[in-house]
N, C-alpha and C. Protein backbone atom coordinates (compact mmCIF):
# COMPACT_ATOMS: atom_id res chain seq x y z
N MET A 1 -6.91 -0.62 7.69
CA MET A 1 -6.00 0.36 7.13
C MET A 1 -4.55 0.02 7.49
N VAL A 2 -4.38 -0.47 8.71
CA VAL A 2 -3.02 -0.84 9.12
C VAL A 2 -2.51 -2.02 8.29
N LEU A 3 -3.37 -2.98 8.06
CA LEU A 3 -2.98 -4.13 7.25
C LEU A 3 -2.64 -3.69 5.82
N GLY A 4 -3.42 -2.77 5.27
CA GLY A 4 -3.12 -2.25 3.94
C GLY A 4 -1.78 -1.54 3.89
N THR A 5 -1.45 -0.79 4.94
CA THR A 5 -0.17 -0.11 5.00
C THR A 5 0.98 -1.10 5.08
N ILE A 6 0.81 -2.13 5.89
CA ILE A 6 1.86 -3.14 6.03
C ILE A 6 2.07 -3.90 4.72
N LEU A 7 0.98 -4.28 4.07
CA LEU A 7 1.10 -4.97 2.79
C LEU A 7 1.73 -4.09 1.72
N ALA A 8 1.39 -2.80 1.73
CA ALA A 8 1.98 -1.88 0.76
C ALA A 8 3.48 -1.72 1.01
N TYR A 9 3.88 -1.70 2.28
CA TYR A 9 5.30 -1.60 2.59
C TYR A 9 6.06 -2.82 2.06
N PHE A 10 5.50 -4.01 2.30
CA PHE A 10 6.17 -5.21 1.80
C PHE A 10 6.19 -5.25 0.28
N TYR A 11 5.14 -4.75 -0.36
CA TYR A 11 5.15 -4.66 -1.83
C TYR A 11 6.27 -3.75 -2.29
N TRP A 12 6.41 -2.60 -1.63
CA TRP A 12 7.49 -1.67 -1.98
C TRP A 12 8.85 -2.30 -1.74
N LYS A 13 9.01 -2.99 -0.63
CA LYS A 13 10.30 -3.57 -0.26
C LYS A 13 10.75 -4.62 -1.26
N TYR A 14 9.83 -5.47 -1.70
CA TYR A 14 10.23 -6.58 -2.55
C TYR A 14 10.07 -6.32 -4.05
N PHE A 15 9.19 -5.40 -4.45
CA PHE A 15 8.98 -5.14 -5.87
C PHE A 15 9.32 -3.71 -6.27
N GLY A 16 9.06 -2.75 -5.41
CA GLY A 16 9.24 -1.35 -5.75
C GLY A 16 10.68 -0.91 -5.92
N ILE A 17 11.58 -1.50 -5.17
CA ILE A 17 12.98 -1.12 -5.26
C ILE A 17 13.58 -1.58 -6.57
N ARG A 18 13.17 -2.74 -7.05
CA ARG A 18 13.73 -3.27 -8.30
C ARG A 18 13.23 -2.51 -9.52
N TRP A 19 11.95 -2.16 -9.51
CA TRP A 19 11.36 -1.45 -10.64
C TRP A 19 10.94 -0.07 -10.19
N GLY A 20 11.87 0.84 -10.03
CA GLY A 20 11.59 2.15 -9.47
C GLY A 20 11.08 3.17 -10.45
N THR A 21 10.70 2.76 -11.65
CA THR A 21 10.26 3.74 -12.62
C THR A 21 8.80 4.15 -12.43
N TYR A 22 8.00 3.28 -11.87
CA TYR A 22 6.59 3.59 -11.63
C TYR A 22 6.48 4.37 -10.33
N PRO A 23 5.84 5.55 -10.33
CA PRO A 23 5.81 6.40 -9.12
C PRO A 23 5.23 5.72 -7.89
N LEU A 24 4.26 4.85 -8.07
CA LEU A 24 3.67 4.16 -6.92
C LEU A 24 4.68 3.21 -6.29
N SER A 25 5.54 2.64 -7.08
CA SER A 25 6.49 1.66 -6.57
C SER A 25 7.78 2.29 -6.07
N SER A 26 8.13 3.46 -6.55
CA SER A 26 9.45 4.01 -6.25
C SER A 26 9.54 4.66 -4.89
N GLU A 27 8.47 5.19 -4.36
CA GLU A 27 8.49 5.88 -3.08
C GLU A 27 7.74 5.07 -2.03
N CYS A 28 8.39 4.83 -0.90
CA CYS A 28 7.77 4.03 0.16
C CYS A 28 6.55 4.73 0.74
N TRP A 29 6.64 6.01 1.01
CA TRP A 29 5.53 6.70 1.67
C TRP A 29 4.31 6.78 0.77
N VAL A 30 4.51 6.93 -0.53
CA VAL A 30 3.38 6.97 -1.46
C VAL A 30 2.69 5.62 -1.49
N ASN A 31 3.49 4.57 -1.54
CA ASN A 31 2.94 3.23 -1.56
C ASN A 31 2.17 2.92 -0.28
N CYS A 32 2.69 3.35 0.87
CA CYS A 32 2.02 3.09 2.15
C CYS A 32 0.72 3.89 2.27
N VAL A 33 0.69 5.11 1.76
CA VAL A 33 -0.54 5.90 1.80
C VAL A 33 -1.62 5.26 0.94
N TYR A 34 -1.26 4.84 -0.26
CA TYR A 34 -2.23 4.18 -1.12
C TYR A 34 -2.70 2.86 -0.52
N GLY A 35 -1.80 2.13 0.11
CA GLY A 35 -2.19 0.88 0.76
C GLY A 35 -3.14 1.12 1.91
N SER A 36 -2.90 2.19 2.68
CA SER A 36 -3.77 2.53 3.79
C SER A 36 -5.16 2.91 3.29
N LEU A 37 -5.22 3.71 2.25
CA LEU A 37 -6.52 4.09 1.69
C LEU A 37 -7.26 2.88 1.12
N PHE A 38 -6.54 2.02 0.44
CA PHE A 38 -7.16 0.83 -0.13
C PHE A 38 -7.64 -0.11 0.98
N GLY A 39 -6.86 -0.25 2.05
CA GLY A 39 -7.28 -1.07 3.17
C GLY A 39 -8.52 -0.52 3.84
N GLY A 40 -8.60 0.80 3.99
CA GLY A 40 -9.80 1.42 4.56
C GLY A 40 -11.02 1.24 3.67
N PHE A 41 -10.80 1.31 2.37
CA PHE A 41 -11.88 1.11 1.41
C PHE A 41 -12.42 -0.32 1.50
N ILE A 42 -11.52 -1.29 1.55
CA ILE A 42 -11.94 -2.69 1.64
C ILE A 42 -12.66 -2.94 2.97
N ALA A 43 -12.17 -2.33 4.06
CA ALA A 43 -12.82 -2.50 5.36
C ALA A 43 -14.24 -1.92 5.34
N CYS A 44 -14.42 -0.80 4.67
CA CYS A 44 -15.76 -0.21 4.57
C CYS A 44 -16.70 -1.09 3.75
N LEU A 45 -16.18 -1.69 2.71
CA LEU A 45 -17.02 -2.56 1.87
C LEU A 45 -17.44 -3.82 2.60
N THR A 46 -16.54 -4.36 3.43
CA THR A 46 -16.87 -5.59 4.12
C THR A 46 -17.62 -5.34 5.43
N GLY A 47 -17.66 -4.10 5.89
CA GLY A 47 -18.39 -3.77 7.10
C GLY A 47 -17.62 -4.07 8.37
N LYS A 48 -16.32 -4.24 8.29
CA LYS A 48 -15.51 -4.56 9.47
C LYS A 48 -14.76 -3.32 9.95
N THR A 49 -15.49 -2.26 10.20
CA THR A 49 -14.86 -1.01 10.66
C THR A 49 -14.95 -0.88 12.15
């Protein structure tokens, strides 16, 4: 989940600021929450919890 949050932050930093029209990209906290959830989902699928 932490890795997902970090990756989502970097996605927001490098892509979200330039194209701020998409709600997922325009807000840092929204992007980090979705990244954290996605990271947790991937960790559950791979069994590395």
